[in-house]
Amino acid sequence: MGRSREQRVAEYVDSDFLRQRLRTGNRLSCLIEGRHGSYITSVDLNDRLDFSCSCPSEEYPCKHVDALLETYTVNRKSFIDLDRLLKKLAKLEKNELLDKIRSMIINFPPALSALGVSGFELTGTRDMEERENE
């Protein structure tokens, strides 16, 4: 007999599988290292039926959504509050902010796409493989 849903959710709660934990307003998101790949998972704290997960599960909601919510309940401090971070950045001098943007782009060139620079969009290897096979 397989593990229960609670057991499958519990293995993810506040674990190293949940990375890049972010809170933006009432929305939580994270990157989850799952059994079959990495999944982007998000959920609205006010409307728990407003969620998404890129995993292949047919469960509704999947265990990743439940694990994200439970992780926020048990370890809120592990989430970066984007609104708070943006307020802090807004207080920086222009040159300081530009230095941070420069560093961000050097470390993650696809960030240029957020600034409207074409050709730096983040595309998955699956998309690239499909184009090669056309």
C-alpha atoms as a PDB file:
ATOM      1  CA  MET A   1       0.000   0.000   0.000  1.00  0.00           C
ATOM      2  CA  GLY A   2       1.288   3.463  -0.918  1.00  0.00           C
ATOM      3  CA  ARG A   3       1.840   6.420   1.320  1.00  0.00           C
ATOM      4  CA  SER A   4      -1.085   8.638   2.272  1.00  0.00           C
ATOM      5  CA  ARG A   5      -1.546  12.092   0.768  1.00  0.00           C
ATOM      6  CA  GLU A   6      -0.606  13.626   4.128  1.00  0.00           C
ATOM      7  CA  GLN A   7       2.672  11.683   4.121  1.00  0.00           C
ATOM      8  CA  ARG A   8       3.437  12.715   0.529  1.00  0.00           C
ATOM      9  CA  VAL A   9       2.751  16.386   1.365  1.00  0.00           C
ATOM     10  CA  ALA A  10       4.736  16.211   4.627  1.00  0.00           C
ATOM     11  CA  GLU A  11       7.958  15.200   2.866  1.00  0.00           C
ATOM     12  CA  TYR A  12       7.930  18.574   1.051  1.00  0.00           C
ATOM     13  CA  VAL A  13       6.794  20.880   3.881  1.00  0.00           C
ATOM     14  CA  ASP A  14       9.568  23.315   4.845  1.00  0.00           C
ATOM     15  CA  SER A  15      12.148  21.106   3.150  1.00  0.00           C
ATOM     16  CA  ASP A  16      14.998  21.805   0.772  1.00  0.00           C
ATOM     17  CA  PHE A  17      12.650  20.677  -2.023  1.00  0.00           C
ATOM     18  CA  LEU A  18      10.860  24.073  -1.741  1.00  0.00           C
ATOM     19  CA  ARG A  19      13.229  26.718  -3.053  1.00  0.00           C
ATOM     20  CA  GLN A  20      12.922  30.358  -4.062  1.00  0.00           C
ATOM     21  CA  ARG A  21      10.051  30.985  -1.638  1.00  0.00           C
ATOM     22  CA  LEU A  22       8.356  34.272  -2.425  1.00  0.00           C
ATOM     23  CA  ARG A  23       5.392  36.248  -1.170  1.00  0.00           C
ATOM     24  CA  THR A  24       3.946  39.033  -3.309  1.00  0.00           C
ATOM     25  CA  GLY A  25       0.892  40.592  -1.689  1.00  0.00           C
ATOM     26  CA  ASN A  26      -1.411  37.658  -0.987  1.00  0.00           C
ATOM     27  CA  ARG A  27       0.299  35.335  -3.474  1.00  0.00           C
ATOM     28  CA  LEU A  28       2.860  32.697  -2.523  1.00  0.00           C
ATOM     29  CA  SER A  29       5.140  31.003  -5.010  1.00  0.00           C
ATOM     30  CA  CYS A  30       8.150  28.728  -5.021  1.00  0.00           C
ATOM     31  CA  LEU A  31      10.221  26.390  -7.129  1.00  0.00           C
ATOM     32  CA  ILE A  32       9.776  22.784  -6.082  1.00  0.00           C
ATOM     33  CA  GLU A  33      12.264  20.065  -6.875  1.00  0.00           C
ATOM     34  CA  GLY A  34       9.883  17.170  -7.440  1.00  0.00           C
ATOM     35  CA  ARG A  35      10.358  13.546  -8.333  1.00  0.00           C
ATOM     36  CA  HIS A  36       9.950  14.186 -12.059  1.00  0.00           C
ATOM     37  CA  GLY A  37      11.500  17.635 -12.419  1.00  0.00           C
ATOM     38  CA  SER A  38      11.243  21.182 -11.142  1.00  0.00           C
ATOM     39  CA  TYR A  39       7.802  22.756 -10.752  1.00  0.00           C
ATOM     40  CA  ILE A  40       6.682  26.328 -10.325  1.00  0.00           C
ATOM     41  CA  THR A  41       3.902  26.409  -7.753  1.00  0.00           C
ATOM     42  CA  SER A  42       1.787  29.351  -6.597  1.00  0.00           C
ATOM     43  CA  VAL A  43      -1.324  29.946  -4.532  1.00  0.00           C
ATOM     44  CA  ASP A  44      -3.401  32.909  -3.386  1.00  0.00           C
ATOM     45  CA  LEU A  45      -3.736  33.126   0.398  1.00  0.00           C
ATOM     46  CA  ASN A  46      -7.207  34.701   0.140  1.00  0.00           C
ATOM     47  CA  ASP A  47      -8.540  32.253  -2.440  1.00  0.00           C
ATOM     48  CA  ARG A  48      -6.932  28.872  -2.043  1.00  0.00           C
ATOM     49  CA  LEU A  49      -8.747  27.687  -5.159  1.00  0.00           C
ATOM     50  CA  ASP A  50      -6.625  30.178  -7.116  1.00  0.00           C
ATOM     51  CA  PHE A  51      -3.465  28.117  -7.520  1.00  0.00           C
ATOM     52  CA  SER A  52      -1.176  26.750 -10.178  1.00  0.00           C
ATOM     53  CA  CYS A  53       1.524  24.137 -10.389  1.00  0.00           C
ATOM     54  CA  SER A  54       3.488  23.038 -13.415  1.00  0.00           C
ATOM     55  CA  CYS A  55       3.704  19.426 -12.199  1.00  0.00           C
ATOM     56  CA  PRO A  56       2.052  16.619 -14.191  1.00  0.00           C
ATOM     57  CA  SER A  57      -0.231  15.559 -11.314  1.00  0.00           C
ATOM     58  CA  GLU A  58      -3.931  15.104 -11.953  1.00  0.00           C
ATOM     59  CA  GLU A  59      -4.773  15.685  -8.277  1.00  0.00           C
ATOM     60  CA  TYR A  60      -6.701  18.873  -7.510  1.00  0.00           C
ATOM     61  CA  PRO A  61      -4.895  20.582  -5.879  1.00  0.00           C
ATOM     62  CA  CYS A  62      -1.644  18.692  -6.120  1.00  0.00           C
ATOM     63  CA  LYS A  63       0.505  17.923  -3.083  1.00  0.00           C
ATOM     64  CA  HIS A  64       2.871  20.764  -4.022  1.00  0.00           C
ATOM     65  CA  VAL A  65       0.181  23.407  -3.474  1.00  0.00           C
ATOM     66  CA  ASP A  66      -0.649  21.922  -0.076  1.00  0.00           C
ATOM     67  CA  ALA A  67       3.048  21.771   0.836  1.00  0.00           C
ATOM     68  CA  LEU A  68       3.515  25.428  -0.157  1.00  0.00           C
ATOM     69  CA  LEU A  69       0.600  26.527   2.035  1.00  0.00           C
ATOM     70  CA  GLU A  70       1.727  24.398   4.976  1.00  0.00           C
ATOM     71  CA  THR A  71       5.291  25.671   4.651  1.00  0.00           C
ATOM     72  CA  TYR A  72       4.026  29.242   4.865  1.00  0.00           C
ATOM     73  CA  THR A  73       2.071  28.309   7.988  1.00  0.00           C
ATOM     74  CA  VAL A  74       5.054  26.745   9.755  1.00  0.00           C
ATOM     75  CA  ASN A  75       7.872  28.993   8.484  1.00  0.00           C
ATOM     76  CA  ARG A  76       6.706  32.384   7.189  1.00  0.00           C
ATOM     77  CA  LYS A  77      10.163  33.862   7.687  1.00  0.00           C
ATOM     78  CA  SER A  78      11.541  31.571   4.967  1.00  0.00           C
ATOM     79  CA  PHE A  79       9.615  33.552   2.311  1.00  0.00           C
ATOM     80  CA  ILE A  80      11.028  36.679   0.707  1.00  0.00           C
ATOM     81  CA  ASP A  81       8.447  39.466   0.904  1.00  0.00           C
ATOM     82  CA  LEU A  82       8.752  41.085  -2.528  1.00  0.00           C
ATOM     83  CA  ASP A  83       6.760  44.177  -1.555  1.00  0.00           C
ATOM     84  CA  ARG A  84       9.072  44.840   1.403  1.00  0.00           C
ATOM     85  CA  LEU A  85      12.140  44.266  -0.765  1.00  0.00           C
ATOM     86  CA  LEU A  86      10.875  46.709  -3.399  1.00  0.00           C
ATOM     87  CA  LYS A  87      10.269  49.373  -0.747  1.00  0.00           C
ATOM     88  CA  LYS A  88      13.835  48.903   0.438  1.00  0.00           C
ATOM     89  CA  LEU A  89      15.172  49.155  -3.130  1.00  0.00           C
ATOM     90  CA  ALA A  90      13.120  52.315  -3.749  1.00  0.00           C
ATOM     91  CA  LYS A  91      15.179  54.060  -1.049  1.00  0.00           C
ATOM     92  CA  LEU A  92      18.488  53.397  -2.816  1.00  0.00           C
ATOM     93  CA  GLU A  93      20.341  56.011  -4.781  1.00  0.00           C
ATOM     94  CA  LYS A  94      20.110  55.613  -8.557  1.00  0.00           C
ATOM     95  CA  ASN A  95      23.725  54.428  -8.923  1.00  0.00           C
ATOM     96  CA  GLU A  96      23.293  51.832  -6.161  1.00  0.00           C
ATOM     97  CA  LEU A  97      20.172  50.505  -7.852  1.00  0.00           C
ATOM     98  CA  LEU A  98      21.882  50.369 -11.244  1.00  0.00           C
ATOM     99  CA  ASP A  99      24.767  48.418  -9.688  1.00  0.00           C
ATOM    100  CA  LYS A 100      22.290  45.894  -8.295  1.00  0.00           C
ATOM    101  CA  ILE A 101      20.539  45.591 -11.675  1.00  0.00           C
ATOM    102  CA  ARG A 102      23.911  45.126 -13.385  1.00  0.00           C
ATOM    103  CA  SER A 103      24.852  42.362 -10.946  1.00  0.00           C
ATOM    104  CA  MET A 104      21.457  40.706 -11.380  1.00  0.00           C
ATOM    105  CA  ILE A 105      21.823  40.656 -15.176  1.00  0.00           C
ATOM    106  CA  ILE A 106      25.380  39.350 -15.054  1.00  0.00           C
ATOM    107  CA  ASN A 107      24.209  36.493 -12.816  1.00  0.00           C
ATOM    108  CA  PHE A 108      20.992  35.855 -14.777  1.00  0.00           C
ATOM    109  CA  PRO A 109      21.024  37.261 -18.335  1.00  0.00           C
ATOM    110  CA  PRO A 110      17.348  36.316 -19.025  1.00  0.00           C
ATOM    111  CA  ALA A 111      16.446  39.144 -16.600  1.00  0.00           C
ATOM    112  CA  LEU A 112      17.079  41.447 -19.563  1.00  0.00           C
ATOM    113  CA  SER A 113      13.776  40.252 -21.053  1.00  0.00           C
ATOM    114  CA  ALA A 114      11.955  41.991 -18.153  1.00  0.00           C
ATOM    115  CA  LEU A 115      13.572  45.216 -19.370  1.00  0.00           C
ATOM    116  CA  GLY A 116      12.224  44.683 -22.885  1.00  0.00           C
ATOM    117  CA  VAL A 117      15.420  43.345 -24.445  1.00  0.00           C
ATOM    118  CA  SER A 118      14.464  40.703 -27.003  1.00  0.00           C
ATOM    119  CA  GLY A 119      16.490  37.563 -27.444  1.00  0.00           C
ATOM    120  CA  PHE A 120      16.938  36.980 -23.707  1.00  0.00           C
ATOM    121  CA  GLU A 121      13.616  35.294 -23.007  1.00  0.00           C
ATOM    122  CA  LEU A 122      13.894  32.206 -20.836  1.00  0.00           C
ATOM    123  CA  THR A 123      12.997  29.209 -22.980  1.00  0.00           C
ATOM    124  CA  GLY A 124      13.014  25.635 -21.828  1.00  0.00           C
ATOM    125  CA  THR A 125      15.103  22.958 -23.469  1.00  0.00           C
ATOM    126  CA  ARG A 126      11.880  21.246 -24.527  1.00  0.00           C
ATOM    127  CA  ASP A 127      10.969  24.310 -26.648  1.00  0.00           C
ATOM    128  CA  MET A 128      14.421  24.288 -28.224  1.00  0.00           C
ATOM    129  CA  GLU A 129      14.220  20.557 -28.997  1.00  0.00           C
ATOM    130  CA  GLU A 130      10.800  20.998 -30.637  1.00  0.00           C
ATOM    131  CA  ARG A 131      12.173  23.749 -32.918  1.00  0.00           C
ATOM    132  CA  GLU A 132      15.139  21.572 -33.895  1.00  0.00           C
ATOM    133  CA  ASN A 133      12.792  18.731 -34.873  1.00  0.00           C
ATOM    134  CA  GLU A 134      10.602  20.925 -37.099  1.00  0.00           C
END
